[in-house]
Amino acid sequence: MLAAIGLYGVVACSVSRRTHEIGVRTALGASPADVLRMVLGHGLRITTMGIAGGLLVSAGTVRLLRGFLYGMSPFDPLSFAAASIAWLAIAMLASWLPARRATKVDPGVALRVW
């Protein structure tokens, strides 16, 4: 839950800082789907880097935790895949609200403030 809130905060801050850029993109013809894809892609890139780092660290420390794993292999690919898919789903959900807000940016207002 804490990671989802943190990712939401990072993506929301990124959207608020990029309001002018989003306004310019929209004024130049970017569709709301393009803006949505851009913001969701940003959130998923952050998550993918975190998953990759987590998989590397867990692969390195799994030997230390081998004694705590009963009835399960330390390198269980199903567990790693399920956890990665769950994190990607959480990232999509956490990025969705800022992405929807980014699609509603009025180019005229964003360019006037700039």
PDB file of N, CA and C in Angstrom:
ATOM      1  N   MET A   1       0.825  -1.191   0.000  1.00  0.00           N
ATOM      2  CA  MET A   1       0.000   0.000   0.000  1.00  0.00           C
ATOM      3  C   MET A   1       0.873   1.260   0.000  1.00  0.00           C
ATOM      4  N   LEU A   2       1.929   1.206   0.792  1.00  0.00           N
ATOM      5  CA  LEU A   2       2.831   2.351   0.874  1.00  0.00           C
ATOM      6  C   LEU A   2       3.525   2.604  -0.463  1.00  0.00           C
ATOM      7  N   ALA A   3       3.909   1.533  -1.141  1.00  0.00           N
ATOM      8  CA  ALA A   3       4.556   1.679  -2.449  1.00  0.00           C
ATOM      9  C   ALA A   3       3.591   2.260  -3.477  1.00  0.00           C
ATOM     10  N   ALA A   4       2.331   1.844  -3.423  1.00  0.00           N
ATOM     11  CA  ALA A   4       1.332   2.370  -4.359  1.00  0.00           C
ATOM     12  C   ALA A   4       1.101   3.857  -4.115  1.00  0.00           C
ATOM     13  N   ILE A   5       1.032   4.254  -2.857  1.00  0.00           N
ATOM     14  CA  ILE A   5       0.854   5.671  -2.531  1.00  0.00           C
ATOM     15  C   ILE A   5       2.080   6.471  -2.969  1.00  0.00           C
ATOM     16  N   GLY A   6       3.255   5.906  -2.764  1.00  0.00           N
ATOM     17  CA  GLY A   6       4.479   6.583  -3.193  1.00  0.00           C
ATOM     18  C   GLY A   6       4.551   6.748  -4.700  1.00  0.00           C
ATOM     19  N   LEU A   7       4.199   5.695  -5.433  1.00  0.00           N
ATOM     20  CA  LEU A   7       4.204   5.786  -6.892  1.00  0.00           C
ATOM     21  C   LEU A   7       3.164   6.788  -7.376  1.00  0.00           C
ATOM     22  N   TYR A   8       1.993   6.787  -6.745  1.00  0.00           N
ATOM     23  CA  TYR A   8       0.975   7.776  -7.095  1.00  0.00           C
ATOM     24  C   TYR A   8       1.523   9.184  -6.898  1.00  0.00           C
ATOM     25  N   GLY A   9       2.209   9.420  -5.784  1.00  0.00           N
ATOM     26  CA  GLY A   9       2.764  10.745  -5.504  1.00  0.00           C
ATOM     27  C   GLY A   9       3.814  11.158  -6.519  1.00  0.00           C
ATOM     28  N   VAL A  10       4.663  10.227  -6.900  1.00  0.00           N
ATOM     29  CA  VAL A  10       5.711  10.541  -7.882  1.00  0.00           C
ATOM     30  C   VAL A  10       5.096  10.882  -9.234  1.00  0.00           C
ATOM     31  N   VAL A  11       4.135  10.076  -9.670  1.00  0.00           N
ATOM     32  CA  VAL A  11       3.515  10.316 -10.977  1.00  0.00           C
ATOM     33  C   VAL A  11       2.674  11.589 -10.944  1.00  0.00           C
ATOM     34  N   ALA A  12       1.950  11.837  -9.846  1.00  0.00           N
ATOM     35  CA  ALA A  12       1.153  13.058  -9.737  1.00  0.00           C
ATOM     36  C   ALA A  12       2.047  14.300  -9.746  1.00  0.00           C
ATOM     37  N   CYS A  13       3.176  14.233  -9.060  1.00  0.00           N
ATOM     38  CA  CYS A  13       4.115  15.359  -9.065  1.00  0.00           C
ATOM     39  C   CYS A  13       4.684  15.575 -10.465  1.00  0.00           C
ATOM     40  N   SER A  14       4.989  14.488 -11.145  1.00  0.00           N
ATOM     41  CA  SER A  14       5.509  14.583 -12.510  1.00  0.00           C
ATOM     42  C   SER A  14       4.485  15.230 -13.439  1.00  0.00           C
ATOM     43  N   VAL A  15       3.221  14.853 -13.285  1.00  0.00           N
ATOM     44  CA  VAL A  15       2.171  15.434 -14.125  1.00  0.00           C
ATOM     45  C   VAL A  15       2.008  16.919 -13.828  1.00  0.00           C
ATOM     46  N   SER A  16       2.051  17.294 -12.558  1.00  0.00           N
ATOM     47  CA  SER A  16       1.885  18.713 -12.232  1.00  0.00           C
ATOM     48  C   SER A  16       3.068  19.537 -12.744  1.00  0.00           C
ATOM     49  N   ARG A  17       4.270  18.975 -12.717  1.00  0.00           N
ATOM     50  CA  ARG A  17       5.435  19.695 -13.232  1.00  0.00           C
ATOM     51  C   ARG A  17       5.444  19.763 -14.756  1.00  0.00           C
ATOM     52  N   ARG A  18       4.791  18.798 -15.403  1.00  0.00           N
ATOM     53  CA  ARG A  18       4.795  18.733 -16.858  1.00  0.00           C
ATOM     54  C   ARG A  18       3.506  19.278 -17.476  1.00  0.00           C
ATOM     55  N   THR A  19       2.740  20.043 -16.724  1.00  0.00           N
ATOM     56  CA  THR A  19       1.472  20.572 -17.224  1.00  0.00           C
ATOM     57  C   THR A  19       1.691  21.399 -18.489  1.00  0.00           C
ATOM     58  N   HIS A  20       2.705  22.226 -18.518  1.00  0.00           N
ATOM     59  CA  HIS A  20       2.968  23.056 -19.705  1.00  0.00           C
ATOM     60  C   HIS A  20       3.319  22.185 -20.900  1.00  0.00           C
ATOM     61  N   GLU A  21       4.171  21.191 -20.670  1.00  0.00           N
ATOM     62  CA  GLU A  21       4.547  20.290 -21.758  1.00  0.00           C
ATOM     63  C   GLU A  21       3.328  19.538 -22.291  1.00  0.00           C
ATOM     64  N   ILE A  22       2.487  19.074 -21.387  1.00  0.00           N
ATOM     65  CA  ILE A  22       1.280  18.360 -21.808  1.00  0.00           C
ATOM     66  C   ILE A  22       0.361  19.286 -22.573  1.00  0.00           C
ATOM     67  N   GLY A  23       0.261  20.545 -22.119  1.00  0.00           N
ATOM     68  CA  GLY A  23      -0.546  21.530 -22.841  1.00  0.00           C
ATOM     69  C   GLY A  23      -0.019  21.786 -24.239  1.00  0.00           C
ATOM     70  N   VAL A  24       1.300  21.887 -24.382  1.00  0.00           N
ATOM     71  CA  VAL A  24       1.902  22.101 -25.703  1.00  0.00           C
ATOM     72  C   VAL A  24       1.652  20.882 -26.589  1.00  0.00           C
ATOM     73  N   ARG A  25       1.842  19.697 -26.042  1.00  0.00           N
ATOM     74  CA  ARG A  25       1.596  18.481 -26.820  1.00  0.00           C
ATOM     75  C   ARG A  25       0.144  18.420 -27.289  1.00  0.00           C
ATOM     76  N   THR A  26      -0.771  18.765 -26.398  1.00  0.00           N
ATOM     77  CA  THR A  26      -2.190  18.746 -26.759  1.00  0.00           C
ATOM     78  C   THR A  26      -2.489  19.806 -27.814  1.00  0.00           C
ATOM     79  N   ALA A  27      -1.896  20.982 -27.674  1.00  0.00           N
ATOM     80  CA  ALA A  27      -2.112  22.048 -28.653  1.00  0.00           C
ATOM     81  C   ALA A  27      -1.559  21.674 -30.023  1.00  0.00           C
ATOM     82  N   LEU A  28      -0.499  20.880 -30.039  1.00  0.00           N
ATOM     83  CA  LEU A  28       0.100  20.463 -31.301  1.00  0.00           C
ATOM     84  C   LEU A  28      -0.559  19.215 -31.892  1.00  0.00           C
ATOM     85  N   GLY A  29      -1.594  18.705 -31.226  1.00  0.00           N
ATOM     86  CA  GLY A  29      -2.368  17.622 -31.826  1.00  0.00           C
ATOM     87  C   GLY A  29      -2.320  16.295 -31.116  1.00  0.00           C
ATOM     88  N   ALA A  30      -1.718  16.225 -29.950  1.00  0.00           N
ATOM     89  CA  ALA A  30      -1.713  14.952 -29.222  1.00  0.00           C
ATOM     90  C   ALA A  30      -3.114  14.656 -28.710  1.00  0.00           C
ATOM     91  N   SER A  31      -3.542  13.448 -28.912  1.00  0.00           N
ATOM     92  CA  SER A  31      -4.878  13.047 -28.443  1.00  0.00           C
ATOM     93  C   SER A  31      -4.811  12.710 -26.955  1.00  0.00           C
ATOM     94  N   PRO A  32      -5.959  12.682 -26.281  1.00  0.00           N
ATOM     95  CA  PRO A  32      -5.961  12.274 -24.870  1.00  0.00           C
ATOM     96  C   PRO A  32      -5.383  10.875 -24.674  1.00  0.00           C
ATOM     97  N   ALA A  33      -5.571   9.989 -25.646  1.00  0.00           N
ATOM     98  CA  ALA A  33      -5.003   8.636 -25.542  1.00  0.00           C
ATOM     99  C   ALA A  33      -3.474   8.690 -25.565  1.00  0.00           C
ATOM    100  N   ASP A  34      -2.914   9.610 -26.354  1.00  0.00           N
ATOM    101  CA  ASP A  34      -1.453   9.759 -26.394  1.00  0.00           C
ATOM    102  C   ASP A  34      -0.919  10.245 -25.049  1.00  0.00           C
ATOM    103  N   VAL A  35      -1.611  11.208 -24.458  1.00  0.00           N
ATOM    104  CA  VAL A  35      -1.198  11.741 -23.156  1.00  0.00           C
ATOM    105  C   VAL A  35      -1.333  10.663 -22.085  1.00  0.00           C
ATOM    106  N   LEU A  36      -2.432   9.922 -22.121  1.00  0.00           N
ATOM    107  CA  LEU A  36      -2.656   8.841 -21.169  1.00  0.00           C
ATOM    108  C   LEU A  36      -1.548   7.796 -21.283  1.00  0.00           C
ATOM    109  N   ARG A  37      -1.203   7.423 -22.490  1.00  0.00           N
ATOM    110  CA  ARG A  37      -0.143   6.438 -22.733  1.00  0.00           C
ATOM    111  C   ARG A  37       1.200   6.963 -22.235  1.00  0.00           C
ATOM    112  N   MET A  38       1.460   8.252 -22.419  1.00  0.00           N
ATOM    113  CA  MET A  38       2.721   8.834 -21.982  1.00  0.00           C
ATOM    114  C   MET A  38       2.856   8.775 -20.457  1.00  0.00           C
ATOM    115  N   VAL A  39       1.808   9.158 -19.756  1.00  0.00           N
ATOM    116  CA  VAL A  39       1.867   9.190 -18.290  1.00  0.00           C
ATOM    117  C   VAL A  39       1.890   7.775 -17.712  1.00  0.00           C
ATOM    118  N   LEU A  40       1.063   6.887 -18.245  1.00  0.00           N
ATOM    119  CA  LEU A  40       1.082   5.509 -17.764  1.00  0.00           C
ATOM    120  C   LEU A  40       2.430   4.848 -18.054  1.00  0.00           C
ATOM    121  N   GLY A  41       3.010   5.167 -19.189  1.00  0.00           N
ATOM    122  CA  GLY A  41       4.328   4.633 -19.523  1.00  0.00           C
ATOM    123  C   GLY A  41       5.389   5.084 -18.542  1.00  0.00           C
ATOM    124  N   HIS A  42       5.281   6.334 -18.092  1.00  0.00           N
ATOM    125  CA  HIS A  42       6.231   6.850 -17.104  1.00  0.00           C
ATOM    126  C   HIS A  42       6.131   6.048 -15.809  1.00  0.00           C
ATOM    127  N   GLY A  43       4.918   5.828 -15.334  1.00  0.00           N
ATOM    128  CA  GLY A  43       4.719   5.047 -14.109  1.00  0.00           C
ATOM    129  C   GLY A  43       5.185   3.612 -14.259  1.00  0.00           C
ATOM    130  N   LEU A  44       4.945   3.035 -15.427  1.00  0.00           N
ATOM    131  CA  LEU A  44       5.368   1.648 -15.644  1.00  0.00           C
ATOM    132  C   LEU A  44       6.881   1.525 -15.792  1.00  0.00           C
ATOM    133  N   ARG A  45       7.537   2.541 -16.343  1.00  0.00           N
ATOM    134  CA  ARG A  45       8.999   2.511 -16.419  1.00  0.00           C
ATOM    135  C   ARG A  45       9.610   2.519 -15.026  1.00  0.00           C
ATOM    136  N   ILE A  46       9.092   3.360 -14.150  1.00  0.00           N
ATOM    137  CA  ILE A  46       9.582   3.410 -12.772  1.00  0.00           C
ATOM    138  C   ILE A  46       9.385   2.047 -12.105  1.00  0.00           C
ATOM    139  N   THR A  47       8.214   1.462 -12.294  1.00  0.00           N
ATOM    140  CA  THR A  47       7.909   0.176 -11.680  1.00  0.00           C
ATOM    141  C   THR A  47       8.770  -0.940 -12.244  1.00  0.00           C
ATOM    142  N   THR A  48       8.991  -0.920 -13.552  1.00  0.00           N
ATOM    143  CA  THR A  48       9.808  -1.958 -14.176  1.00  0.00           C
ATOM    144  C   THR A  48      11.238  -1.916 -13.655  1.00  0.00           C
ATOM    145  N   MET A  49      11.772  -0.719 -13.476  1.00  0.00           N
ATOM    146  CA  MET A  49      13.118  -0.609 -12.910  1.00  0.00           C
ATOM    147  C   MET A  49      13.144  -1.135 -11.472  1.00  0.00           C
ATOM    148  N   GLY A  50      12.102  -0.853 -10.714  1.00  0.00           N
ATOM    149  CA  GLY A  50      12.017  -1.352  -9.343  1.00  0.00           C
ATOM    150  C   GLY A  50      11.890  -2.865  -9.284  1.00  0.00           C
ATOM    151  N   ILE A  51      11.097  -3.431 -10.190  1.00  0.00           N
ATOM    152  CA  ILE A  51      10.947  -4.887 -10.232  1.00  0.00           C
ATOM    153  C   ILE A  51      12.274  -5.538 -10.614  1.00  0.00           C
ATOM    154  N   ALA A  52      12.948  -4.987 -11.605  1.00  0.00           N
ATOM    155  CA  ALA A  52      14.232  -5.557 -12.024  1.00  0.00           C
ATOM    156  C   ALA A  52      15.239  -5.510 -10.881  1.00  0.00           C
ATOM    157  N   GLY A  53      15.309  -4.383 -10.197  1.00  0.00           N
ATOM    158  CA  GLY A  53      16.218  -4.274  -9.054  1.00  0.00           C
ATOM    159  C   GLY A  53      15.837  -5.231  -7.936  1.00  0.00           C
ATOM    160  N   GLY A  54      14.555  -5.356  -7.672  1.00  0.00           N
ATOM    161  CA  GLY A  54      14.091  -6.273  -6.636  1.00  0.00           C
ATOM    162  C   GLY A  54      14.374  -7.722  -6.965  1.00  0.00           C
ATOM    163  N   LEU A  55      14.212  -8.095  -8.238  1.00  0.00           N
ATOM    164  CA  LEU A  55      14.516  -9.468  -8.637  1.00  0.00           C
ATOM    165  C   LEU A  55      16.003  -9.762  -8.503  1.00  0.00           C
ATOM    166  N   LEU A  56      16.845  -8.794  -8.842  1.00  0.00           N
ATOM    167  CA  LEU A  56      18.287  -8.985  -8.689  1.00  0.00           C
ATOM    168  C   LEU A  56      18.683  -9.134  -7.220  1.00  0.00           C
ATOM    169  N   VAL A  57      18.139  -8.278  -6.381  1.00  0.00           N
ATOM    170  CA  VAL A  57      18.457  -8.343  -4.954  1.00  0.00           C
ATOM    171  C   VAL A  57      17.919  -9.637  -4.350  1.00  0.00           C
ATOM    172  N   SER A  58      16.695 -10.023  -4.730  1.00  0.00           N
ATOM    173  CA  SER A  58      16.133 -11.256  -4.165  1.00  0.00           C
ATOM    174  C   SER A  58      16.888 -12.485  -4.646  1.00  0.00           C
ATOM    175  N   ALA A  59      17.362 -12.469  -5.885  1.00  0.00           N
ATOM    176  CA  ALA A  59      18.165 -13.595  -6.369  1.00  0.00           C
ATOM    177  C   ALA A  59      19.482 -13.681  -5.613  1.00  0.00           C
ATOM    178  N   GLY A  60      20.004 -12.541  -5.208  1.00  0.00           N
ATOM    179  CA  GLY A  60      21.252 -12.534  -4.452  1.00  0.00           C
ATOM    180  C   GLY A  60      21.087 -12.939  -2.999  1.00  0.00           C
ATOM    181  N   THR A  61      19.952 -12.639  -2.400  1.00  0.00           N
ATOM    182  CA  THR A  61      19.756 -12.912  -0.970  1.00  0.00           C
ATOM    183  C   THR A  61      18.961 -14.182  -0.704  1.00  0.00           C
ATOM    184  N   VAL A  62      18.517 -14.870  -1.736  1.00  0.00           N
ATOM    185  CA  VAL A  62      17.685 -16.048  -1.534  1.00  0.00           C
ATOM    186  C   VAL A  62      18.455 -17.160  -0.818  1.00  0.00           C
ATOM    187  N   ARG A  63      19.756 -17.204  -0.976  1.00  0.00           N
ATOM    188  CA  ARG A  63      20.558 -18.223  -0.283  1.00  0.00           C
ATOM    189  C   ARG A  63      20.540 -17.993   1.232  1.00  0.00           C
ATOM    190  N   LEU A  64      20.477 -16.729   1.623  1.00  0.00           N
ATOM    191  CA  LEU A  64      20.426 -16.427   3.054  1.00  0.00           C
ATOM    192  C   LEU A  64      19.087 -16.825   3.665  1.00  0.00           C
ATOM    193  N   LEU A  65      18.023 -16.779   2.871  1.00  0.00           N
ATOM    194  CA  LEU A  65      16.681 -17.059   3.371  1.00  0.00           C
ATOM    195  C   LEU A  65      16.250 -18.505   3.138  1.00  0.00           C
ATOM    196  N   ARG A  66      17.120 -19.324   2.612  1.00  0.00           N
ATOM    197  CA  ARG A  66      16.767 -20.696   2.256  1.00  0.00           C
ATOM    198  C   ARG A  66      16.203 -21.466   3.449  1.00  0.00           C
ATOM    199  N   GLY A  67      16.683 -21.218   4.633  1.00  0.00           N
ATOM    200  CA  GLY A  67      16.218 -21.920   5.826  1.00  0.00           C
ATOM    201  C   GLY A  67      14.797 -21.560   6.221  1.00  0.00           C
ATOM    202  N   PHE A  68      14.296 -20.412   5.769  1.00  0.00           N
ATOM    203  CA  PHE A  68      12.953 -19.986   6.133  1.00  0.00           C
ATOM    204  C   PHE A  68      11.880 -20.451   5.150  1.00  0.00           C
ATOM    205  N   LEU A  69      12.292 -20.985   4.029  1.00  0.00           N
ATOM    206  CA  LEU A  69      11.354 -21.384   2.983  1.00  0.00           C
ATOM    207  C   LEU A  69      11.031 -22.865   3.116  1.00  0.00           C
ATOM    208  N   TYR A  70       9.870 -23.185   3.641  1.00  0.00           N
ATOM    209  CA  TYR A  70       9.459 -24.577   3.818  1.00  0.00           C
ATOM    210  C   TYR A  70       8.496 -24.965   2.706  1.00  0.00           C
ATOM    211  N   GLY A  71       8.828 -26.035   2.010  1.00  0.00           N
ATOM    212  CA  GLY A  71       7.953 -26.547   0.961  1.00  0.00           C
ATOM    213  C   GLY A  71       7.981 -25.715  -0.307  1.00  0.00           C
ATOM    214  N   MET A  72       9.025 -24.944  -0.474  1.00  0.00           N
ATOM    215  CA  MET A  72       9.092 -24.057  -1.630  1.00  0.00           C
ATOM    216  C   MET A  72      10.544 -23.899  -2.058  1.00  0.00           C
ATOM    217  N   SER A  73      10.757 -23.888  -3.338  1.00  0.00           N
ATOM    218  CA  SER A  73      12.107 -23.699  -3.863  1.00  0.00           C
ATOM    219  C   SER A  73      12.509 -22.230  -3.729  1.00  0.00           C
ATOM    220  N   PRO A  74      13.772 -21.948  -3.438  1.00  0.00           N
ATOM    221  CA  PRO A  74      14.202 -20.552  -3.308  1.00  0.00           C
ATOM    222  C   PRO A  74      14.061 -19.765  -4.608  1.00  0.00           C
ATOM    223  N   PHE A  75      14.190 -20.423  -5.731  1.00  0.00           N
ATOM    224  CA  PHE A  75      14.063 -19.761  -7.024  1.00  0.00           C
ATOM    225  C   PHE A  75      12.756 -20.162  -7.696  1.00  0.00           C
ATOM    226  N   ASP A  76      11.649 -20.008  -6.999  1.00  0.00           N
ATOM    227  CA  ASP A  76      10.343 -20.385  -7.526  1.00  0.00           C
ATOM    228  C   ASP A  76       9.900 -19.364  -8.575  1.00  0.00           C
ATOM    229  N   PRO A  77       9.933 -19.720  -9.856  1.00  0.00           N
ATOM    230  CA  PRO A  77       9.584 -18.742 -10.891  1.00  0.00           C
ATOM    231  C   PRO A  77       8.127 -18.293 -10.832  1.00  0.00           C
ATOM    232  N   LEU A  78       7.248 -19.167 -10.362  1.00  0.00           N
ATOM    233  CA  LEU A  78       5.838 -18.790 -10.262  1.00  0.00           C
ATOM    234  C   LEU A  78       5.643 -17.668  -9.238  1.00  0.00           C
ATOM    235  N   SER A  79       6.337 -17.764  -8.118  1.00  0.00           N
ATOM    236  CA  SER A  79       6.227 -16.714  -7.092  1.00  0.00           C
ATOM    237  C   SER A  79       6.789 -15.391  -7.588  1.00  0.00           C
ATOM    238  N   PHE A  80       7.948 -15.450  -8.248  1.00  0.00           N
ATOM    239  CA  PHE A  80       8.548 -14.227  -8.778  1.00  0.00           C
ATOM    240  C   PHE A  80       7.660 -13.605  -9.855  1.00  0.00           C
ATOM    241  N   ALA A  81       7.094 -14.432 -10.716  1.00  0.00           N
ATOM    242  CA  ALA A  81       6.214 -13.921 -11.786  1.00  0.00           C
ATOM    243  C   ALA A  81       4.933 -13.343 -11.200  1.00  0.00           C
ATOM    244  N   ALA A  82       4.344 -14.029 -10.224  1.00  0.00           N
ATOM    245  CA  ALA A  82       3.102 -13.537  -9.613  1.00  0.00           C
ATOM    246  C   ALA A  82       3.327 -12.202  -8.904  1.00  0.00           C
ATOM    247  N   ALA A  83       4.442 -12.090  -8.188  1.00  0.00           N
ATOM    248  CA  ALA A  83       4.743 -10.829  -7.495  1.00  0.00           C
ATOM    249  C   ALA A  83       4.989  -9.705  -8.495  1.00  0.00           C
ATOM    250  N   SER A  84       5.684 -10.005  -9.586  1.00  0.00           N
ATOM    251  CA  SER A  84       5.956  -8.978 -10.602  1.00  0.00           C
ATOM    252  C   SER A  84       4.672  -8.514 -11.271  1.00  0.00           C
ATOM    253  N   ILE A  85       3.801  -9.448 -11.598  1.00  0.00           N
ATOM    254  CA  ILE A  85       2.518  -9.091 -12.231  1.00  0.00           C
ATOM    255  C   ILE A  85       1.655  -8.278 -11.271  1.00  0.00           C
ATOM    256  N   ALA A  86       1.675  -8.663  -9.993  1.00  0.00           N
ATOM    257  CA  ALA A  86       0.898  -7.906  -8.999  1.00  0.00           C
ATOM    258  C   ALA A  86       1.415  -6.470  -8.891  1.00  0.00           C
ATOM    259  N   TRP A  87       2.739  -6.283  -8.891  1.00  0.00           N
ATOM    260  CA  TRP A  87       3.304  -4.930  -8.816  1.00  0.00           C
ATOM    261  C   TRP A  87       2.967  -4.124 -10.058  1.00  0.00           C
ATOM    262  N   LEU A  88       2.960  -4.771 -11.223  1.00  0.00           N
ATOM    263  CA  LEU A  88       2.592  -4.043 -12.438  1.00  0.00           C
ATOM    264  C   LEU A  88       1.135  -3.598 -12.389  1.00  0.00           C
ATOM    265  N   ALA A  89       0.262  -4.457 -11.870  1.00  0.00           N
ATOM    266  CA  ALA A  89      -1.153  -4.083 -11.743  1.00  0.00           C
ATOM    267  C   ALA A  89      -1.330  -2.926 -10.758  1.00  0.00           C
ATOM    268  N   ILE A  90      -0.607  -2.976  -9.656  1.00  0.00           N
ATOM    269  CA  ILE A  90      -0.669  -1.888  -8.674  1.00  0.00           C
ATOM    270  C   ILE A  90      -0.148  -0.595  -9.287  1.00  0.00           C
ATOM    271  N   ALA A  91       0.907  -0.686 -10.084  1.00  0.00           N
ATOM    272  CA  ALA A  91       1.476   0.505 -10.732  1.00  0.00           C
ATOM    273  C   ALA A  91       0.489   1.106 -11.722  1.00  0.00           C
ATOM    274  N   MET A  92      -0.204   0.269 -12.465  1.00  0.00           N
ATOM    275  CA  MET A  92      -1.211   0.775 -13.408  1.00  0.00           C
ATOM    276  C   MET A  92      -2.310   1.520 -12.653  1.00  0.00           C
ATOM    277  N   LEU A  93      -2.748   0.947 -11.562  1.00  0.00           N
ATOM    278  CA  LEU A  93      -3.797   1.580 -10.765  1.00  0.00           C
ATOM    279  C   LEU A  93      -3.313   2.893 -10.140  1.00  0.00           C
ATOM    280  N   ALA A  94      -2.080   2.900  -9.631  1.00  0.00           N
ATOM    281  CA  ALA A  94      -1.547   4.113  -8.997  1.00  0.00           C
ATOM    282  C   ALA A  94      -1.280   5.214 -10.016  1.00  0.00           C
ATOM    283  N   SER A  95      -0.998   4.856 -11.259  1.00  0.00           N
ATOM    284  CA  SER A  95      -0.727   5.850 -12.301  1.00  0.00           C
ATOM    285  C   SER A  95      -1.984   6.307 -13.018  1.00  0.00           C
ATOM    286  N   TRP A  96      -3.071   5.606 -12.831  1.00  0.00           N
ATOM    287  CA  TRP A  96      -4.288   5.890 -13.593  1.00  0.00           C
ATOM    288  C   TRP A  96      -4.870   7.272 -13.270  1.00  0.00           C
ATOM    289  N   LEU A  97      -4.985   7.627 -11.999  1.00  0.00           N
ATOM    290  CA  LEU A  97      -5.590   8.926 -11.640  1.00  0.00           C
ATOM    291  C   LEU A  97      -4.785  10.113 -12.158  1.00  0.00           C
ATOM    292  N   PRO A  98      -3.476  10.151 -11.946  1.00  0.00           N
ATOM    293  CA  PRO A  98      -2.721  11.272 -12.528  1.00  0.00           C
ATOM    294  C   PRO A  98      -2.792  11.283 -14.054  1.00  0.00           C
ATOM    295  N   ALA A  99      -2.838  10.109 -14.666  1.00  0.00           N
ATOM    296  CA  ALA A  99      -2.920  10.051 -16.129  1.00  0.00           C
ATOM    297  C   ALA A  99      -4.266  10.599 -16.615  1.00  0.00           C
ATOM    298  N   ARG A 100      -5.341  10.271 -15.934  1.00  0.00           N
ATOM    299  CA  ARG A 100      -6.656  10.813 -16.310  1.00  0.00           C
ATOM    300  C   ARG A 100      -6.689  12.329 -16.133  1.00  0.00           C
ATOM    301  N   ARG A 101      -6.055  12.818 -15.062  1.00  0.00           N
ATOM    302  CA  ARG A 101      -6.004  14.258 -14.835  1.00  0.00           C
ATOM    303  C   ARG A 101      -5.184  14.942 -15.926  1.00  0.00           C
ATOM    304  N   ALA A 102      -4.136  14.279 -16.403  1.00  0.00           N
ATOM    305  CA  ALA A 102      -3.298  14.857 -17.460  1.00  0.00           C
ATOM    306  C   ALA A 102      -4.067  14.974 -18.769  1.00  0.00           C
ATOM    307  N   THR A 103      -4.998  14.066 -19.017  1.00  0.00           N
ATOM    308  CA  THR A 103      -5.766  14.141 -20.266  1.00  0.00           C
ATOM    309  C   THR A 103      -6.737  15.310 -20.264  1.00  0.00           C
ATOM    310  N   LYS A 104      -7.024  15.854 -19.110  1.00  0.00           N
ATOM    311  CA  LYS A 104      -7.981  16.951 -19.000  1.00  0.00           C
ATOM    312  C   LYS A 104      -7.317  18.328 -19.015  1.00  0.00           C
ATOM    313  N   VAL A 105      -6.001  18.375 -19.238  1.00  0.00           N
ATOM    314  CA  VAL A 105      -5.284  19.652 -19.270  1.00  0.00           C
ATOM    315  C   VAL A 105      -5.759  20.458 -20.475  1.00  0.00           C
ATOM    316  N   ASP A 106      -6.196  21.689 -20.212  1.00  0.00           N
ATOM    317  CA  ASP A 106      -6.626  22.589 -21.282  1.00  0.00           C
ATOM    318  C   ASP A 106      -5.394  23.288 -21.831  1.00  0.00           C
ATOM    319  N   PRO A 107      -5.109  23.132 -23.135  1.00  0.00           N
ATOM    320  CA  PRO A 107      -3.892  23.729 -23.675  1.00  0.00           C
ATOM    321  C   PRO A 107      -3.859  25.242 -23.545  1.00  0.00           C
ATOM    322  N   GLY A 108      -4.994  25.886 -23.672  1.00  0.00           N
ATOM    323  CA  GLY A 108      -5.031  27.352 -23.560  1.00  0.00           C
ATOM    324  C   GLY A 108      -4.641  27.827 -22.177  1.00  0.00           C
ATOM    325  N   VAL A 109      -5.168  27.175 -21.170  1.00  0.00           N
ATOM    326  CA  VAL A 109      -4.846  27.559 -19.794  1.00  0.00           C
ATOM    327  C   VAL A 109      -3.389  27.244 -19.498  1.00  0.00           C
ATOM    328  N   ALA A 110      -2.905  26.073 -19.917  1.00  0.00           N
ATOM    329  CA  ALA A 110      -1.520  25.686 -19.641  1.00  0.00           C
ATOM    330  C   ALA A 110      -0.536  26.634 -20.326  1.00  0.00           C
ATOM    331  N   LEU A 111      -0.855  27.097 -21.523  1.00  0.00           N
ATOM    332  CA  LEU A 111       0.057  27.984 -22.224  1.00  0.00           C
ATOM    333  C   LEU A 111      -0.012  29.419 -21.702  1.00  0.00           C
ATOM    334  N   ARG A 112      -1.166  29.846 -21.214  1.00  0.00           N
ATOM    335  CA  ARG A 112      -1.291  31.190 -20.655  1.00  0.00           C
ATOM    336  C   ARG A 112      -0.492  31.328 -19.374  1.00  0.00           C
ATOM    337  N   VAL A 113      -0.496  30.323 -18.546  1.00  0.00           N
ATOM    338  CA  VAL A 113       0.222  30.377 -17.277  1.00  0.00           C
ATOM    339  C   VAL A 113       1.710  30.368 -17.507  1.00  0.00           C
ATOM    340  N   TRP A 114       2.146  29.742 -18.569  1.00  0.00           N
ATOM    341  CA  TRP A 114       3.561  29.607 -18.863  1.00  0.00           C
ATOM    342  C   TRP A 114       4.105  30.943 -19.199  1.00  0.00           C
TER     343      TRP A 114
END
